[in-house]
C-alpha atoms as a PDB file:
ATOM      1  CA  UNK A   1       0.000   0.000   0.000  1.00  0.00           C
ATOM      2  CA  UNK A   2       1.319   3.414  -0.924  1.00  0.00           C
ATOM      3  CA  UNK A   3       1.942   5.881   1.930  1.00  0.00           C
ATOM      4  CA  UNK A   4      -1.186   7.906   2.434  1.00  0.00           C
ATOM      5  CA  UNK A   5      -1.032  11.585   1.510  1.00  0.00           C
ATOM      6  CA  UNK A   6      -3.691  13.809   2.970  1.00  0.00           C
ATOM      7  CA  UNK A   7      -4.540  17.483   2.909  1.00  0.00           C
ATOM      8  CA  UNK A   8      -4.703  20.124   5.598  1.00  0.00           C
ATOM      9  CA  UNK A   9      -5.153  23.871   5.798  1.00  0.00           C
ATOM     10  CA  UNK A  10      -6.973  26.511   3.754  1.00  0.00           C
ATOM     11  CA  UNK A  11      -8.484  25.765   0.365  1.00  0.00           C
ATOM     12  CA  UNK A  12      -7.445  29.148  -1.081  1.00  0.00           C
ATOM     13  CA  UNK A  13      -4.855  29.042  -3.823  1.00  0.00           C
ATOM     14  CA  UNK A  14      -4.198  32.766  -3.924  1.00  0.00           C
ATOM     15  CA  UNK A  15      -0.777  33.405  -2.453  1.00  0.00           C
ATOM     16  CA  UNK A  16      -0.574  30.039  -0.732  1.00  0.00           C
ATOM     17  CA  UNK A  17      -0.084  26.554  -2.094  1.00  0.00           C
ATOM     18  CA  UNK A  18      -1.957  23.924  -0.134  1.00  0.00           C
ATOM     19  CA  UNK A  19       0.509  21.182   0.697  1.00  0.00           C
ATOM     20  CA  UNK A  20       0.095  17.554   1.513  1.00  0.00           C
ATOM     21  CA  UNK A  21       0.661  16.986   5.214  1.00  0.00           C
ATOM     22  CA  UNK A  22       2.313  14.115   6.996  1.00  0.00           C
ATOM     23  CA  UNK A  23       0.170  11.601   8.904  1.00  0.00           C
ATOM     24  CA  UNK A  24       0.500  11.499  12.658  1.00  0.00           C
ATOM     25  CA  UNK A  25       1.554   8.130  13.929  1.00  0.00           C
ATOM     26  CA  UNK A  26      -0.575   8.313  17.039  1.00  0.00           C
ATOM     27  CA  UNK A  27       2.272   9.478  19.278  1.00  0.00           C
ATOM     28  CA  UNK A  28       0.228  12.185  20.993  1.00  0.00           C
ATOM     29  CA  UNK A  29      -1.564  11.683  24.350  1.00  0.00           C
ATOM     30  CA  UNK A  30      -4.912   9.986  23.907  1.00  0.00           C
ATOM     31  CA  UNK A  31      -7.965   9.117  26.023  1.00  0.00           C
ATOM     32  CA  UNK A  32      -7.959   5.797  27.821  1.00  0.00           C
ATOM     33  CA  UNK A  33      -9.313   3.580  25.027  1.00  0.00           C
ATOM     34  CA  UNK A  34     -10.110  -0.120  25.289  1.00  0.00           C
ATOM     35  CA  UNK A  35      -6.764  -0.948  23.698  1.00  0.00           C
ATOM     36  CA  UNK A  36      -4.816   1.076  26.270  1.00  0.00           C
ATOM     37  CA  UNK A  37      -6.865  -0.388  29.134  1.00  0.00           C
ATOM     38  CA  UNK A  38      -6.008  -3.850  27.811  1.00  0.00           C
ATOM     39  CA  UNK A  39      -2.333  -2.967  27.662  1.00  0.00           C
ATOM     40  CA  UNK A  40      -2.305  -1.490  31.169  1.00  0.00           C
ATOM     41  CA  UNK A  41      -4.223  -4.472  32.527  1.00  0.00           C
ATOM     42  CA  UNK A  42      -1.683  -6.844  31.013  1.00  0.00           C
ATOM     43  CA  UNK A  43       1.208  -4.992  32.620  1.00  0.00           C
ATOM     44  CA  UNK A  44      -0.519  -5.063  36.001  1.00  0.00           C
ATOM     45  CA  UNK A  45      -1.183  -8.794  35.585  1.00  0.00           C
ATOM     46  CA  UNK A  46       2.467  -9.544  34.865  1.00  0.00           C
ATOM     47  CA  UNK A  47       3.535  -7.451  37.853  1.00  0.00           C
ATOM     48  CA  UNK A  48       1.044  -9.184  40.139  1.00  0.00           C
ATOM     49  CA  UNK A  49       2.181 -12.646  39.054  1.00  0.00           C
ATOM     50  CA  UNK A  50       5.810 -11.752  39.710  1.00  0.00           C
ATOM     51  CA  UNK A  51       5.125 -10.239  43.129  1.00  0.00           C
ATOM     52  CA  UNK A  52       2.898 -13.169  44.062  1.00  0.00           C
ATOM     53  CA  UNK A  53       5.570 -15.703  43.118  1.00  0.00           C
ATOM     54  CA  UNK A  54       8.274 -13.914  45.113  1.00  0.00           C
ATOM     55  CA  UNK A  55       5.940 -13.392  48.062  1.00  0.00           C
ATOM     56  CA  UNK A  56       5.004 -17.062  48.158  1.00  0.00           C
ATOM     57  CA  UNK A  57       8.644 -18.087  48.105  1.00  0.00           C
ATOM     58  CA  UNK A  58       9.490 -15.710  50.990  1.00  0.00           C
ATOM     59  CA  UNK A  59       6.682 -17.216  53.082  1.00  0.00           C
ATOM     60  CA  UNK A  60       8.018 -20.677  52.359  1.00  0.00           C
ATOM     61  CA  UNK A  61      11.474 -19.660  53.571  1.00  0.00           C
ATOM     62  CA  UNK A  62      10.095 -18.204  56.827  1.00  0.00           C
ATOM     63  CA  UNK A  63       7.965 -21.274  57.494  1.00  0.00           C
ATOM     64  CA  UNK A  64      10.790 -23.733  57.107  1.00  0.00           C
ATOM     65  CA  UNK A  65      13.424 -21.694  58.982  1.00  0.00           C
ATOM     66  CA  UNK A  66      16.685 -23.488  58.357  1.00  0.00           C
ATOM     67  CA  UNK A  67      15.213 -26.226  56.224  1.00  0.00           C
ATOM     68  CA  UNK A  68      16.698 -26.299  52.756  1.00  0.00           C
ATOM     69  CA  UNK A  69      14.216 -25.161  50.117  1.00  0.00           C
ATOM     70  CA  UNK A  70      14.335 -24.939  46.373  1.00  0.00           C
ATOM     71  CA  UNK A  71      14.724 -21.496  44.821  1.00  0.00           C
ATOM     72  CA  UNK A  72      12.301 -20.922  41.938  1.00  0.00           C
ATOM     73  CA  UNK A  73      13.957 -21.663  38.604  1.00  0.00           C
ATOM     74  CA  UNK A  74      14.784 -18.317  37.004  1.00  0.00           C
ATOM     75  CA  UNK A  75      14.491 -19.821  33.528  1.00  0.00           C
ATOM     76  CA  UNK A  76      10.943 -21.046  34.160  1.00  0.00           C
ATOM     77  CA  UNK A  77       9.896 -17.672  35.548  1.00  0.00           C
ATOM     78  CA  UNK A  78      11.455 -15.927  32.549  1.00  0.00           C
ATOM     79  CA  UNK A  79       9.650 -18.226  30.127  1.00  0.00           C
ATOM     80  CA  UNK A  80       6.350 -17.613  31.879  1.00  0.00           C
ATOM     81  CA  UNK A  81       6.958 -13.881  31.762  1.00  0.00           C
ATOM     82  CA  UNK A  82       7.831 -14.137  28.081  1.00  0.00           C
ATOM     83  CA  UNK A  83       4.674 -16.098  27.348  1.00  0.00           C
ATOM     84  CA  UNK A  84       2.556 -13.479  29.104  1.00  0.00           C
ATOM     85  CA  UNK A  85       4.326 -10.744  27.165  1.00  0.00           C
ATOM     86  CA  UNK A  86       3.621 -12.506  23.849  1.00  0.00           C
ATOM     87  CA  UNK A  87      -0.041 -12.942  24.754  1.00  0.00           C
ATOM     88  CA  UNK A  88      -0.261  -9.285  25.698  1.00  0.00           C
ATOM     89  CA  UNK A  89       1.350  -8.186  22.413  1.00  0.00           C
ATOM     90  CA  UNK A  90      -1.001 -10.413  20.421  1.00  0.00           C
ATOM     91  CA  UNK A  91      -4.014  -8.952  22.232  1.00  0.00           C
ATOM     92  CA  UNK A  92      -2.718  -5.445  21.552  1.00  0.00           C
ATOM     93  CA  UNK A  93      -2.364  -6.232  17.841  1.00  0.00           C
ATOM     94  CA  UNK A  94      -5.888  -7.628  17.710  1.00  0.00           C
ATOM     95  CA  UNK A  95      -7.216  -4.500  19.419  1.00  0.00           C
ATOM     96  CA  UNK A  96      -5.528  -2.280  16.807  1.00  0.00           C
ATOM     97  CA  UNK A  97      -7.027  -4.320  13.960  1.00  0.00           C
ATOM     98  CA  UNK A  98     -10.496  -4.092  15.507  1.00  0.00           C
ATOM     99  CA  UNK A  99     -10.081  -0.325  15.940  1.00  0.00           C
ATOM    100  CA  UNK A 100      -9.092   0.137  12.283  1.00  0.00           C
ATOM    101  CA  UNK A 101     -11.995  -2.024  11.120  1.00  0.00           C
ATOM    102  CA  UNK A 102     -14.438   0.029  13.171  1.00  0.00           C
ATOM    103  CA  UNK A 103     -13.016   3.315  11.843  1.00  0.00           C
ATOM    104  CA  UNK A 104     -13.293   2.002   8.265  1.00  0.00           C
ATOM    105  CA  UNK A 105     -16.891   0.853   8.740  1.00  0.00           C
ATOM    106  CA  UNK A 106     -17.852   4.185  10.311  1.00  0.00           C
ATOM    107  CA  UNK A 107     -16.276   6.213   7.481  1.00  0.00           C
ATOM    108  CA  UNK A 108     -17.912   4.072   4.777  1.00  0.00           C
ATOM    109  CA  UNK A 109     -21.371   4.384   6.341  1.00  0.00           C
ATOM    110  CA  UNK A 110     -21.021   8.120   6.990  1.00  0.00           C
ATOM    111  CA  UNK A 111     -19.926   8.848   3.409  1.00  0.00           C
ATOM    112  CA  UNK A 112     -22.588   6.575   1.972  1.00  0.00           C
ATOM    113  CA  UNK A 113     -25.150   8.668   3.836  1.00  0.00           C
ATOM    114  CA  UNK A 114     -23.494  12.009   3.096  1.00  0.00           C
ATOM    115  CA  UNK A 115     -23.212  11.478  -0.659  1.00  0.00           C
ATOM    116  CA  UNK A 116     -26.326   9.297  -0.978  1.00  0.00           C
ATOM    117  CA  UNK A 117     -24.410   6.478  -2.676  1.00  0.00           C
ATOM    118  CA  UNK A 118     -24.604   2.682  -2.238  1.00  0.00           C
ATOM    119  CA  UNK A 119     -22.471   1.238   0.557  1.00  0.00           C
ATOM    120  CA  UNK A 120     -20.505  -0.945  -1.870  1.00  0.00           C
ATOM    121  CA  UNK A 121     -19.475   2.110  -3.916  1.00  0.00           C
ATOM    122  CA  UNK A 122     -18.552   3.989  -0.740  1.00  0.00           C
ATOM    123  CA  UNK A 123     -16.471   1.001   0.343  1.00  0.00           C
ATOM    124  CA  UNK A 124     -14.695   0.789  -3.027  1.00  0.00           C
ATOM    125  CA  UNK A 125     -13.813   4.500  -3.040  1.00  0.00           C
ATOM    126  CA  UNK A 126     -12.524   4.322   0.552  1.00  0.00           C
ATOM    127  CA  UNK A 127     -10.419   1.186   0.114  1.00  0.00           C
ATOM    128  CA  UNK A 128      -8.985   1.975  -3.326  1.00  0.00           C
ATOM    129  CA  UNK A 129      -8.129   5.560  -2.349  1.00  0.00           C
ATOM    130  CA  UNK A 130      -6.181   4.288   0.662  1.00  0.00           C
ATOM    131  CA  UNK A 131      -4.402   1.653  -1.409  1.00  0.00           C
ATOM    132  CA  UNK A 132      -3.324   4.332  -3.917  1.00  0.00           C
ATOM    133  CA  UNK A 133      -2.086   6.761  -1.248  1.00  0.00           C
ATOM    134  CA  UNK A 134      -4.999   9.207  -1.397  1.00  0.00           C
ATOM    135  CA  UNK A 135      -7.017  10.392   1.594  1.00  0.00           C
ATOM    136  CA  UNK A 136     -10.427   8.756   1.046  1.00  0.00           C
ATOM    137  CA  UNK A 137     -12.201  12.081   1.643  1.00  0.00           C
ATOM    138  CA  UNK A 138     -10.320  13.561  -1.325  1.00  0.00           C
ATOM    139  CA  UNK A 139     -11.293  10.479  -3.326  1.00  0.00           C
ATOM    140  CA  UNK A 140     -14.989  10.971  -2.593  1.00  0.00           C
ATOM    141  CA  UNK A 141     -14.806  14.632  -3.579  1.00  0.00           C
ATOM    142  CA  UNK A 142     -12.937  13.895  -6.797  1.00  0.00           C
ATOM    143  CA  UNK A 143     -15.556  11.355  -7.892  1.00  0.00           C
ATOM    144  CA  UNK A 144     -18.376  13.710  -6.908  1.00  0.00           C
ATOM    145  CA  UNK A 145     -17.037  16.601  -9.004  1.00  0.00           C
ATOM    146  CA  UNK A 146     -15.901  14.477 -11.950  1.00  0.00           C
ATOM    147  CA  UNK A 147     -18.900  12.216 -12.462  1.00  0.00           C
ATOM    148  CA  UNK A 148     -21.505  12.812  -9.781  1.00  0.00           C
ATOM    149  CA  UNK A 149     -20.911   9.179  -8.733  1.00  0.00           C
ATOM    150  CA  UNK A 150     -22.230   7.933 -12.099  1.00  0.00           C
ATOM    151  CA  UNK A 151     -20.333   4.980 -13.505  1.00  0.00           C
ATOM    152  CA  UNK A 152     -21.533   5.665 -17.067  1.00  0.00           C
ATOM    153  CA  UNK A 153     -20.543   9.347 -17.091  1.00  0.00           C
ATOM    154  CA  UNK A 154     -18.955  10.549 -20.331  1.00  0.00           C
ATOM    155  CA  UNK A 155     -17.634  14.030 -21.075  1.00  0.00           C
ATOM    156  CA  UNK A 156     -17.340  15.919 -24.342  1.00  0.00           C
ATOM    157  CA  UNK A 157     -13.564  15.466 -23.946  1.00  0.00           C
ATOM    158  CA  UNK A 158     -13.944  11.668 -24.257  1.00  0.00           C
ATOM    159  CA  UNK A 159     -13.364  11.011 -20.556  1.00  0.00           C
ATOM    160  CA  UNK A 160     -15.184   8.086 -18.988  1.00  0.00           C
ATOM    161  CA  UNK A 161     -16.428   6.656 -15.711  1.00  0.00           C
ATOM    162  CA  UNK A 162     -16.244   7.694 -12.081  1.00  0.00           C
ATOM    163  CA  UNK A 163     -12.951   9.601 -12.303  1.00  0.00           C
ATOM    164  CA  UNK A 164     -13.415  10.733 -15.936  1.00  0.00           C
ATOM    165  CA  UNK A 165     -10.349   9.158 -17.461  1.00  0.00           C
ATOM    166  CA  UNK A 166      -9.318   9.443 -21.093  1.00  0.00           C
ATOM    167  CA  UNK A 167      -8.187   6.224 -22.725  1.00  0.00           C
ATOM    168  CA  UNK A 168      -4.749   7.683 -23.545  1.00  0.00           C
ATOM    169  CA  UNK A 169      -4.150   8.554 -19.887  1.00  0.00           C
ATOM    170  CA  UNK A 170      -5.349   5.173 -18.678  1.00  0.00           C
ATOM    171  CA  UNK A 171      -3.073   3.335 -21.124  1.00  0.00           C
ATOM    172  CA  UNK A 172      -0.063   4.839 -19.396  1.00  0.00           C
ATOM    173  CA  UNK A 173      -1.031   2.785 -16.326  1.00  0.00           C
ATOM    174  CA  UNK A 174      -2.618  -0.202 -18.021  1.00  0.00           C
ATOM    175  CA  UNK A 175      -1.504  -0.800 -21.625  1.00  0.00           C
ATOM    176  CA  UNK A 176      -4.230  -2.252 -23.791  1.00  0.00           C
ATOM    177  CA  UNK A 177      -7.073  -0.802 -21.736  1.00  0.00           C
ATOM    178  CA  UNK A 178     -10.215   0.091 -23.678  1.00  0.00           C
ATOM    179  CA  UNK A 179     -13.040   2.565 -23.311  1.00  0.00           C
ATOM    180  CA  UNK A 180     -15.257  -0.261 -22.100  1.00  0.00           C
ATOM    181  CA  UNK A 181     -12.748  -1.149 -19.380  1.00  0.00           C
ATOM    182  CA  UNK A 182     -13.026   2.376 -17.985  1.00  0.00           C
ATOM    183  CA  UNK A 183     -16.644   1.704 -17.070  1.00  0.00           C
ATOM    184  CA  UNK A 184     -15.473  -0.975 -14.646  1.00  0.00           C
ATOM    185  CA  UNK A 185     -15.738   0.554 -11.185  1.00  0.00           C
ATOM    186  CA  UNK A 186     -12.575  -0.729  -9.560  1.00  0.00           C
ATOM    187  CA  UNK A 187     -10.423  -0.248 -12.664  1.00  0.00           C
ATOM    188  CA  UNK A 188     -11.560   3.342 -13.088  1.00  0.00           C
ATOM    189  CA  UNK A 189     -11.125   4.274  -9.423  1.00  0.00           C
ATOM    190  CA  UNK A 190      -7.717   2.619  -9.184  1.00  0.00           C
ATOM    191  CA  UNK A 191      -6.256   4.341 -12.242  1.00  0.00           C
ATOM    192  CA  UNK A 192      -7.866   7.692 -11.459  1.00  0.00           C
ATOM    193  CA  UNK A 193      -6.543   7.782  -7.895  1.00  0.00           C
ATOM    194  CA  UNK A 194      -3.116   6.561  -8.994  1.00  0.00           C
ATOM    195  CA  UNK A 195      -2.995   9.342 -11.617  1.00  0.00           C
ATOM    196  CA  UNK A 196      -3.845  11.938  -8.935  1.00  0.00           C
ATOM    197  CA  UNK A 197      -1.199  10.507  -6.626  1.00  0.00           C
ATOM    198  CA  UNK A 198       1.414  10.814  -9.382  1.00  0.00           C
ATOM    199  CA  UNK A 199       0.352  14.419 -10.013  1.00  0.00           C
ATOM    200  CA  UNK A 200       0.790  15.201  -6.326  1.00  0.00           C
ATOM    201  CA  UNK A 201       4.370  13.968  -6.542  1.00  0.00           C
ATOM    202  CA  UNK A 202       4.967  15.831  -9.818  1.00  0.00           C
ATOM    203  CA  UNK A 203       3.763  19.147  -8.363  1.00  0.00           C
ATOM    204  CA  UNK A 204       5.630  18.809  -5.073  1.00  0.00           C
ATOM    205  CA  UNK A 205       2.456  17.838  -3.201  1.00  0.00           C
ATOM    206  CA  UNK A 206       0.733  21.151  -3.870  1.00  0.00           C
ATOM    207  CA  UNK A 207      -2.814  19.804  -3.875  1.00  0.00           C
ATOM    208  CA  UNK A 208      -4.318  22.727  -5.786  1.00  0.00           C
ATOM    209  CA  UNK A 209      -1.799  22.373  -8.616  1.00  0.00           C
ATOM    210  CA  UNK A 210      -2.220  18.582  -8.681  1.00  0.00           C
ATOM    211  CA  UNK A 211      -5.995  18.908  -8.975  1.00  0.00           C
ATOM    212  CA  UNK A 212      -5.694  21.597 -11.633  1.00  0.00           C
ATOM    213  CA  UNK A 213      -3.337  19.299 -13.570  1.00  0.00           C
ATOM    214  CA  UNK A 214      -5.880  16.502 -13.229  1.00  0.00           C
ATOM    215  CA  UNK A 215      -8.507  18.773 -14.773  1.00  0.00           C
ATOM    216  CA  UNK A 216      -6.488  20.777 -17.329  1.00  0.00           C
ATOM    217  CA  UNK A 217      -3.612  18.387 -17.969  1.00  0.00           C
ATOM    218  CA  UNK A 218      -0.132  18.607 -16.414  1.00  0.00           C
ATOM    219  CA  UNK A 219       1.457  19.994 -19.593  1.00  0.00           C
ATOM    220  CA  UNK A 220      -0.990  22.905 -19.722  1.00  0.00           C
ATOM    221  CA  UNK A 221      -0.508  23.738 -16.051  1.00  0.00           C
ATOM    222  CA  UNK A 222       3.279  23.675 -16.414  1.00  0.00           C
ATOM    223  CA  UNK A 223       3.081  25.914 -19.486  1.00  0.00           C
ATOM    224  CA  UNK A 224       0.993  28.495 -17.608  1.00  0.00           C
ATOM    225  CA  UNK A 225       3.311  28.410 -14.600  1.00  0.00           C
ATOM    226  CA  UNK A 226       6.384  28.786 -16.831  1.00  0.00           C
ATOM    227  CA  UNK A 227       4.931  32.043 -18.171  1.00  0.00           C
ATOM    228  CA  UNK A 228       4.288  33.311 -14.648  1.00  0.00           C
ATOM    229  CA  UNK A 229       0.535  32.799 -14.934  1.00  0.00           C
ATOM    230  CA  UNK A 230      -2.017  31.345 -12.545  1.00  0.00           C
ATOM    231  CA  UNK A 231      -3.651  28.116 -13.784  1.00  0.00           C
ATOM    232  CA  UNK A 232      -6.531  28.363 -11.285  1.00  0.00           C
ATOM    233  CA  UNK A 233      -9.941  27.894 -12.903  1.00  0.00           C
ATOM    234  CA  UNK A 234     -12.076  27.080  -9.863  1.00  0.00           C
ATOM    235  CA  UNK A 235     -11.786  23.309 -10.227  1.00  0.00           C
ATOM    236  CA  UNK A 236      -9.491  22.673  -7.266  1.00  0.00           C
ATOM    237  CA  UNK A 237     -11.612  24.929  -5.049  1.00  0.00           C
ATOM    238  CA  UNK A 238     -14.715  22.961  -6.015  1.00  0.00           C
ATOM    239  CA  UNK A 239     -13.076  19.637  -5.139  1.00  0.00           C
ATOM    240  CA  UNK A 240     -11.685  20.858  -1.827  1.00  0.00           C
ATOM    241  CA  UNK A 241     -14.833  22.729  -0.804  1.00  0.00           C
ATOM    242  CA  UNK A 242     -16.349  19.608   0.730  1.00  0.00           C
ATOM    243  CA  UNK A 243     -13.051  18.048   1.784  1.00  0.00           C
ATOM    244  CA  UNK A 244     -13.084  16.590   5.288  1.00  0.00           C
ATOM    245  CA  UNK A 245      -9.818  14.790   6.072  1.00  0.00           C
ATOM    246  CA  UNK A 246     -10.451  11.252   7.319  1.00  0.00           C
ATOM    247  CA  UNK A 247      -6.857  10.465   8.389  1.00  0.00           C
ATOM    248  CA  UNK A 248      -5.224  12.198  11.404  1.00  0.00           C
ATOM    249  CA  UNK A 249      -2.903  14.839  10.007  1.00  0.00           C
ATOM    250  CA  UNK A 250      -0.803  17.834  10.866  1.00  0.00           C
ATOM    251  CA  UNK A 251      -1.802  20.855   8.700  1.00  0.00           C
ATOM    252  CA  UNK A 252       1.074  22.043   6.516  1.00  0.00           C
ATOM    253  CA  UNK A 253       0.547  25.131   4.390  1.00  0.00           C
ATOM    254  CA  UNK A 254       3.119  27.314   2.671  1.00  0.00           C
END
């Protein structure tokens, strides 16, 4: 999966270029979630077992006075501790997976309701956008502006499907692709989002310029910029108007 690139900051392109921001890796303080409670409980359990074992051995020594007793095998205790640690780590991993699954389901349902689209289409946009390194919210907005979520959309510029791809553009990513192939939901979304991701890289992650290049063509945008002009035509503002970042990000605007 490509590293996700998401957007933060103002949607105005006048004087400021909206940049892609870096995802947070959940290193900030957070509320006591079920996952953290599980982790803390595991640590307390390990501590209690250790203290209990040592306490029981001390009582045995006091009860027998000078009678020779066996000291607990350090290796056995270490193995038991290691086993508990592995179980705790496995539980933590399962908790993270469950959390991600719940977040995905929530986002899919919310966007299905917001855009009034079938849940399977909402799911496809969410999952394919993530796999191609695009914030799903940007993916939803792109499809909304390009095709109105209509799989059979066709423009007077011979662009087809959800993300309004031209056959020549699509062939760069999938040689031999046909116009008919562009009406396939997953194929169209995958190539469209991958094209946008490449444009983000090409335009130094300036989201406005990347979107304008998606709409006007990268060669045209570069030509306008080379002459000192402004390629803005309202398209990028329209896409970003309803943008609501789904991933946790740090805004980064220049």
